[in-house]
PDB file of N, CA and C in Angstrom:
ATOM      1  N   MET A   1     109.485 122.900 169.525  1.00  0.00           N
ATOM      2  CA  MET A   1     110.841 122.952 169.024  1.00  0.00           C
ATOM      3  C   MET A   1     110.873 123.531 167.623  1.00  0.00           C
ATOM      4  N   ALA A   2     110.115 122.941 166.726  1.00  0.00           N
ATOM      5  CA  ALA A   2     110.130 123.426 165.346  1.00  0.00           C
ATOM      6  C   ALA A   2     109.566 124.837 165.266  1.00  0.00           C
ATOM      7  N   GLY A   3     108.622 125.178 166.123  1.00  0.00           N
ATOM      8  CA  GLY A   3     108.060 126.515 166.142  1.00  0.00           C
ATOM      9  C   GLY A   3     109.098 127.567 166.489  1.00  0.00           C
ATOM     10  N   SER A   4     109.962 127.249 167.462  1.00  0.00           N
ATOM     11  CA  SER A   4     110.998 128.213 167.845  1.00  0.00           C
ATOM     12  C   SER A   4     112.008 128.396 166.720  1.00  0.00           C
ATOM     13  N   LEU A   5     112.287 127.324 165.998  1.00  0.00           N
ATOM     14  CA  LEU A   5     113.216 127.449 164.876  1.00  0.00           C
ATOM     15  C   LEU A   5     112.599 128.261 163.744  1.00  0.00           C
ATOM     16  N   VAL A   6     111.308 128.121 163.524  1.00  0.00           N
ATOM     17  CA  VAL A   6     110.640 128.907 162.491  1.00  0.00           C
ATOM     18  C   VAL A   6     110.676 130.386 162.869  1.00  0.00           C
ATOM     19  N   GLN A   7     110.436 130.685 164.135  1.00  0.00           N
ATOM     20  CA  GLN A   7     110.502 132.070 164.594  1.00  0.00           C
ATOM     21  C   GLN A   7     111.910 132.611 164.458  1.00  0.00           C
ATOM     22  N   LEU A   8     112.906 131.806 164.778  1.00  0.00           N
ATOM     23  CA  LEU A   8     114.292 132.221 164.642  1.00  0.00           C
ATOM     24  C   LEU A   8     114.632 132.469 163.184  1.00  0.00           C
ATOM     25  N   GLY A   9     114.164 131.606 162.292  1.00  0.00           N
ATOM     26  CA  GLY A   9     114.396 131.797 160.864  1.00  0.00           C
ATOM     27  C   GLY A   9     113.732 133.055 160.356  1.00  0.00           C
ATOM     28  N   HIS A  10     112.509 133.318 160.824  1.00  0.00           N
ATOM     29  CA  HIS A  10     111.799 134.535 160.423  1.00  0.00           C
ATOM     30  C   HIS A  10     112.561 135.768 160.898  1.00  0.00           C
ATOM     31  N   LEU A  11     113.099 135.702 162.109  1.00  0.00           N
ATOM     32  CA  LEU A  11     113.886 136.813 162.642  1.00  0.00           C
ATOM     33  C   LEU A  11     115.120 137.073 161.776  1.00  0.00           C
ATOM     34  N   PHE A  12     115.813 136.004 161.373  1.00  0.00           N
ATOM     35  CA  PHE A  12     116.998 136.160 160.531  1.00  0.00           C
ATOM     36  C   PHE A  12     116.641 136.792 159.189  1.00  0.00           C
ATOM     37  N   PHE A  13     115.567 136.311 158.569  1.00  0.00           N
ATOM     38  CA  PHE A  13     115.178 136.855 157.268  1.00  0.00           C
ATOM     39  C   PHE A  13     114.734 138.314 157.387  1.00  0.00           C
ATOM     40  N   THR A  14     114.014 138.637 158.446  1.00  0.00           N
ATOM     41  CA  THR A  14     113.555 140.006 158.642  1.00  0.00           C
ATOM     42  C   THR A  14     114.728 140.936 158.910  1.00  0.00           C
ATOM     43  N   ALA A  15     115.610 140.536 159.815  1.00  0.00           N
ATOM     44  CA  ALA A  15     116.767 141.373 160.134  1.00  0.00           C
ATOM     45  C   ALA A  15     117.684 141.509 158.929  1.00  0.00           C
ATOM     46  N   GLY A  16     117.897 140.426 158.219  1.00  0.00           N
ATOM     47  CA  GLY A  16     118.755 140.467 157.041  1.00  0.00           C
ATOM     48  C   GLY A  16     118.174 141.327 155.941  1.00  0.00           C
ATOM     49  N   GLY A  17     116.876 141.204 155.711  1.00  0.00           N
ATOM     50  CA  GLY A  17     116.226 142.021 154.687  1.00  0.00           C
ATOM     51  C   GLY A  17     116.279 143.495 155.026  1.00  0.00           C
ATOM     52  N   THR A  18     116.048 143.814 156.290  1.00  0.00           N
ATOM     53  CA  THR A  18     116.114 145.206 156.724  1.00  0.00           C
ATOM     54  C   THR A  18     117.531 145.749 156.586  1.00  0.00           C
ATOM     55  N   LEU A  19     118.498 144.955 156.985  1.00  0.00           N
ATOM     56  CA  LEU A  19     119.899 145.376 156.883  1.00  0.00           C
ATOM     57  C   LEU A  19     120.282 145.658 155.442  1.00  0.00           C
ATOM     58  N   TYR A  20     119.955 144.749 154.539  1.00  0.00           N
ATOM     59  CA  TYR A  20     120.349 144.939 153.148  1.00  0.00           C
ATOM     60  C   TYR A  20     119.533 146.013 152.444  1.00  0.00           C
ATOM     61  N   ALA A  21     118.308 146.259 152.905  1.00  0.00           N
ATOM     62  CA  ALA A  21     117.525 147.348 152.328  1.00  0.00           C
ATOM     63  C   ALA A  21     118.104 148.701 152.718  1.00  0.00           C
ATOM     64  N   CYS A  22     118.633 148.780 153.909  1.00  0.00           N
ATOM     65  CA  CYS A  22     119.182 150.048 154.412  1.00  0.00           C
ATOM     66  C   CYS A  22     120.651 150.236 154.075  1.00  0.00           C
ATOM     67  N   ILE A  23     121.322 149.173 153.698  1.00  0.00           N
ATOM     68  CA  ILE A  23     122.768 149.252 153.543  1.00  0.00           C
ATOM     69  C   ILE A  23     123.184 150.211 152.425  1.00  0.00           C
ATOM     70  N   GLY A  24     122.411 150.276 151.377  1.00  0.00           N
ATOM     71  CA  GLY A  24     122.753 151.171 150.283  1.00  0.00           C
ATOM     72  C   GLY A  24     122.750 152.625 150.705  1.00  0.00           C
ATOM     73  N   LYS A  25     121.776 153.023 151.530  1.00  0.00           N
ATOM     74  CA  LYS A  25     121.675 154.402 151.975  1.00  0.00           C
ATOM     75  C   LYS A  25     122.637 154.714 153.110  1.00  0.00           C
ATOM     76  N   SER A  26     122.866 153.754 153.987  1.00  0.00           N
ATOM     77  CA  SER A  26     123.621 154.056 155.195  1.00  0.00           C
ATOM     78  C   SER A  26     125.085 153.660 155.132  1.00  0.00           C
ATOM     79  N   LEU A  27     125.514 153.051 154.040  1.00  0.00           N
ATOM     80  CA  LEU A  27     126.902 152.605 153.985  1.00  0.00           C
ATOM     81  C   LEU A  27     127.867 153.773 154.091  1.00  0.00           C
ATOM     82  N   ASN A  28     127.494 154.908 153.540  1.00  0.00           N
ATOM     83  CA  ASN A  28     128.369 156.070 153.625  1.00  0.00           C
ATOM     84  C   ASN A  28     128.274 156.771 154.974  1.00  0.00           C
ATOM     85  N   SER A  29     127.230 156.500 155.748  1.00  0.00           N
ATOM     86  CA  SER A  29     127.055 157.201 157.016  1.00  0.00           C
ATOM     87  C   SER A  29     127.604 156.425 158.215  1.00  0.00           C
ATOM     88  N   ILE A  30     127.936 155.141 158.050  1.00  0.00           N
ATOM     89  CA  ILE A  30     128.533 154.384 159.149  1.00  0.00           C
ATOM     90  C   ILE A  30     129.949 153.994 158.756  1.00  0.00           C
ATOM     91  N   SER A  31     130.763 153.789 159.767  1.00  0.00           N
ATOM     92  CA  SER A  31     132.155 153.438 159.490  1.00  0.00           C
ATOM     93  C   SER A  31     132.272 151.971 159.089  1.00  0.00           C
ATOM     94  N   LYS A  32     133.324 151.688 158.391  1.00  0.00           N
ATOM     95  CA  LYS A  32     133.596 150.312 157.974  1.00  0.00           C
ATOM     96  C   LYS A  32     133.789 149.419 159.197  1.00  0.00           C
ATOM     97  N   GLU A  33     134.443 149.958 160.223  1.00  0.00           N
ATOM     98  CA  GLU A  33     134.694 149.186 161.439  1.00  0.00           C
ATOM     99  C   GLU A  33     133.400 148.816 162.143  1.00  0.00           C
ATOM    100  N   PHE A  34     132.449 149.784 162.191  1.00  0.00           N
ATOM    101  CA  PHE A  34     131.160 149.501 162.825  1.00  0.00           C
ATOM    102  C   PHE A  34     130.412 148.427 162.055  1.00  0.00           C
ATOM    103  N   PHE A  35     130.397 148.527 160.744  1.00  0.00           N
ATOM    104  CA  PHE A  35     129.709 147.539 159.934  1.00  0.00           C
ATOM    105  C   PHE A  35     130.312 146.152 160.133  1.00  0.00           C
ATOM    106  N   LEU A  36     131.635 146.064 160.140  1.00  0.00           N
ATOM    107  CA  LEU A  36     132.291 144.768 160.345  1.00  0.00           C
ATOM    108  C   LEU A  36     132.027 144.227 161.745  1.00  0.00           C
ATOM    109  N   ALA A  37     132.023 145.113 162.745  1.00  0.00           N
ATOM    110  CA  ALA A  37     131.747 144.673 164.117  1.00  0.00           C
ATOM    111  C   ALA A  37     130.309 144.181 164.250  1.00  0.00           C
ATOM    112  N   ALA A  38     129.361 144.881 163.623  1.00  0.00           N
ATOM    113  CA  ALA A  38     127.964 144.459 163.678  1.00  0.00           C
ATOM    114  C   ALA A  38     127.767 143.125 162.957  1.00  0.00           C
ATOM    115  N   THR A  39     128.447 142.960 161.832  1.00  0.00           N
ATOM    116  CA  THR A  39     128.361 141.694 161.092  1.00  0.00           C
ATOM    117  C   THR A  39     128.960 140.551 161.904  1.00  0.00           C
ATOM    118  N   ALA A  40     130.115 140.803 162.509  1.00  0.00           N
ATOM    119  CA  ALA A  40     130.745 139.774 163.347  1.00  0.00           C
ATOM    120  C   ALA A  40     129.839 139.431 164.533  1.00  0.00           C
ATOM    121  N   GLY A  41     129.220 140.443 165.140  1.00  0.00           N
ATOM    122  CA  GLY A  41     128.294 140.197 166.251  1.00  0.00           C
ATOM    123  C   GLY A  41     127.115 139.346 165.837  1.00  0.00           C
ATOM    124  N   LEU A  42     126.586 139.593 164.641  1.00  0.00           N
ATOM    125  CA  LEU A  42     125.474 138.789 164.132  1.00  0.00           C
ATOM    126  C   LEU A  42     125.892 137.335 163.951  1.00  0.00           C
ATOM    127  N   TYR A  43     127.066 137.114 163.361  1.00  0.00           N
ATOM    128  CA  TYR A  43     127.544 135.743 163.168  1.00  0.00           C
ATOM    129  C   TYR A  43     127.791 135.042 164.508  1.00  0.00           C
ATOM    130  N   ILE A  44     128.324 135.763 165.464  1.00  0.00           N
ATOM    131  CA  ILE A  44     128.556 135.177 166.790  1.00  0.00           C
ATOM    132  C   ILE A  44     127.220 134.828 167.449  1.00  0.00           C
ATOM    133  N   TRP A  45     126.237 135.716 167.314  1.00  0.00           N
ATOM    134  CA  TRP A  45     124.914 135.469 167.889  1.00  0.00           C
ATOM    135  C   TRP A  45     124.264 134.243 167.259  1.00  0.00           C
ATOM    136  N   ILE A  46     124.360 134.117 165.945  1.00  0.00           N
ATOM    137  CA  ILE A  46     123.803 132.945 165.255  1.00  0.00           C
ATOM    138  C   ILE A  46     124.511 131.673 165.716  1.00  0.00           C
ATOM    139  N   GLY A  47     125.830 131.732 165.795  1.00  0.00           N
ATOM    140  CA  GLY A  47     126.600 130.570 166.261  1.00  0.00           C
ATOM    141  C   GLY A  47     126.240 130.184 167.682  1.00  0.00           C
ATOM    142  N   PHE A  48     126.095 131.178 168.540  1.00  0.00           N
ATOM    143  CA  PHE A  48     125.720 130.902 169.928  1.00  0.00           C
ATOM    144  C   PHE A  48     124.334 130.274 169.998  1.00  0.00           C
ATOM    145  N   ALA A  49     123.386 130.789 169.203  1.00  0.00           N
ATOM    146  CA  ALA A  49     122.027 130.237 169.194  1.00  0.00           C
ATOM    147  C   ALA A  49     122.034 128.785 168.729  1.00  0.00           C
ATOM    148  N   LEU A  50     122.795 128.486 167.692  1.00  0.00           N
ATOM    149  CA  LEU A  50     122.868 127.107 167.200  1.00  0.00           C
ATOM    150  C   LEU A  50     123.553 126.195 168.208  1.00  0.00           C
ATOM    151  N   TRP A  51     124.590 126.705 168.863  1.00  0.00           N
ATOM    152  CA  TRP A  51     125.297 125.904 169.866  1.00  0.00           C
ATOM    153  C   TRP A  51     124.374 125.580 171.043  1.00  0.00           C
ATOM    154  N   ARG A  52     123.613 126.594 171.518  1.00  0.00           N
ATOM    155  CA  ARG A  52     122.709 126.358 172.637  1.00  0.00           C
ATOM    156  C   ARG A  52     121.567 125.424 172.237  1.00  0.00           C
ATOM    157  N   ASP A  53     121.079 125.561 171.014  1.00  0.00           N
ATOM    158  CA  ASP A  53     120.032 124.679 170.526  1.00  0.00           C
ATOM    159  C   ASP A  53     120.528 123.236 170.526  1.00  0.00           C
ATOM    160  N   THR A  54     121.773 123.054 170.134  1.00  0.00           N
ATOM    161  CA  THR A  54     122.375 121.718 170.127  1.00  0.00           C
ATOM    162  C   THR A  54     122.439 121.150 171.537  1.00  0.00           C
ATOM    163  N   LYS A  55     122.844 121.978 172.500  1.00  0.00           N
ATOM    164  CA  LYS A  55     122.956 121.525 173.887  1.00  0.00           C
ATOM    165  C   LYS A  55     121.580 121.223 174.493  1.00  0.00           C
ATOM    166  N   VAL A  56     120.631 122.115 174.279  1.00  0.00           N
ATOM    167  CA  VAL A  56     119.316 121.976 174.910  1.00  0.00           C
ATOM    168  C   VAL A  56     118.574 120.751 174.392  1.00  0.00           C
ATOM    169  N   TYR A  57     118.608 120.519 173.080  1.00  0.00           N
ATOM    170  CA  TYR A  57     117.846 119.422 172.494  1.00  0.00           C
ATOM    171  C   TYR A  57     118.658 118.149 172.309  1.00  0.00           C
ATOM    172  N   GLY A  58     119.926 118.168 172.712  1.00  0.00           N
ATOM    173  CA  GLY A  58     120.739 116.960 172.697  1.00  0.00           C
ATOM    174  C   GLY A  58     121.156 116.490 171.321  1.00  0.00           C
ATOM    175  N   TYR A  59     121.225 117.407 170.357  1.00  0.00           N
ATOM    176  CA  TYR A  59     121.677 117.024 169.023  1.00  0.00           C
ATOM    177  C   TYR A  59     123.187 116.790 169.035  1.00  0.00           C
ATOM    178  N   SER A  60     123.641 116.001 168.083  1.00  0.00           N
ATOM    179  CA  SER A  60     125.070 115.743 167.993  1.00  0.00           C
ATOM    180  C   SER A  60     125.791 116.802 167.162  1.00  0.00           C
ATOM    181  N   SER A  61     125.035 117.624 166.436  1.00  0.00           N
ATOM    182  CA  SER A  61     125.639 118.629 165.567  1.00  0.00           C
ATOM    183  C   SER A  61     124.740 119.858 165.478  1.00  0.00           C
ATOM    184  N   PRO A  62     125.330 121.056 165.419  1.00  0.00           N
ATOM    185  CA  PRO A  62     124.523 122.262 165.210  1.00  0.00           C
ATOM    186  C   PRO A  62     123.840 122.271 163.848  1.00  0.00           C
ATOM    187  N   LEU A  63     124.358 121.518 162.914  1.00  0.00           N
ATOM    188  CA  LEU A  63     123.753 121.460 161.588  1.00  0.00           C
ATOM    189  C   LEU A  63     122.391 120.779 161.611  1.00  0.00           C
ATOM    190  N   THR A  64     122.129 119.986 162.644  1.00  0.00           N
ATOM    191  CA  THR A  64     120.821 119.347 162.793  1.00  0.00           C
ATOM    192  C   THR A  64     119.738 120.411 162.948  1.00  0.00           C
ATOM    193  N   SER A  65     120.019 121.461 163.695  1.00  0.00           N
ATOM    194  CA  SER A  65     119.052 122.545 163.867  1.00  0.00           C
ATOM    195  C   SER A  65     118.787 123.244 162.542  1.00  0.00           C
ATOM    196  N   ILE A  66     119.826 123.456 161.763  1.00  0.00           N
ATOM    197  CA  ILE A  66     119.663 124.111 160.464  1.00  0.00           C
ATOM    198  C   ILE A  66     118.852 123.221 159.535  1.00  0.00           C
ATOM    199  N   LYS A  67     119.165 121.921 159.539  1.00  0.00           N
ATOM    200  CA  LYS A  67     118.428 120.983 158.690  1.00  0.00           C
ATOM    201  C   LYS A  67     116.955 120.948 159.085  1.00  0.00           C
ATOM    202  N   GLU A  68     116.686 120.958 160.370  1.00  0.00           N
ATOM    203  CA  GLU A  68     115.308 120.958 160.850  1.00  0.00           C
ATOM    204  C   GLU A  68     114.598 122.262 160.487  1.00  0.00           C
ATOM    205  N   LEU A  69     115.322 123.358 160.525  1.00  0.00           N
ATOM    206  CA  LEU A  69     114.750 124.647 160.143  1.00  0.00           C
ATOM    207  C   LEU A  69     114.388 124.678 158.674  1.00  0.00           C
ATOM    208  N   ILE A  70     115.245 124.142 157.832  1.00  0.00           N
ATOM    209  CA  ILE A  70     115.035 124.201 156.384  1.00  0.00           C
ATOM    210  C   ILE A  70     114.015 123.162 155.927  1.00  0.00           C
ATOM    211  N   PHE A  71     114.204 121.927 156.349  1.00  0.00           N
ATOM    212  CA  PHE A  71     113.380 120.837 155.837  1.00  0.00           C
ATOM    213  C   PHE A  71     112.214 120.462 156.731  1.00  0.00           C
ATOM    214  N   GLY A  72     112.181 120.981 157.975  1.00  0.00           N
ATOM    215  CA  GLY A  72     111.082 120.697 158.876  1.00  0.00           C
ATOM    216  C   GLY A  72     111.020 119.263 159.343  1.00  0.00           C
ATOM    217  N   LEU A  73     112.133 118.617 159.514  1.00  0.00           N
ATOM    218  CA  LEU A  73     112.158 117.210 159.925  1.00  0.00           C
ATOM    219  C   LEU A  73     111.921 117.057 161.406  1.00  0.00           C
TER     220      LEU A  73
END
């Protein structure tokens, strides 16, 4: 369980770092609508992952997964 959350956290940091490293160069080459749609898709994907994690492991709150990811409880 904790291993999958660590992998998920690593994925978020890697994807986020890559996005922000490229954003300065590519902001002028992509449309504002595409950027907003991609950002919204990322937030929806994160929300869906937390919701499913809550259902699968029987937590009462999606924040439990985040707390476990950060503090390793």
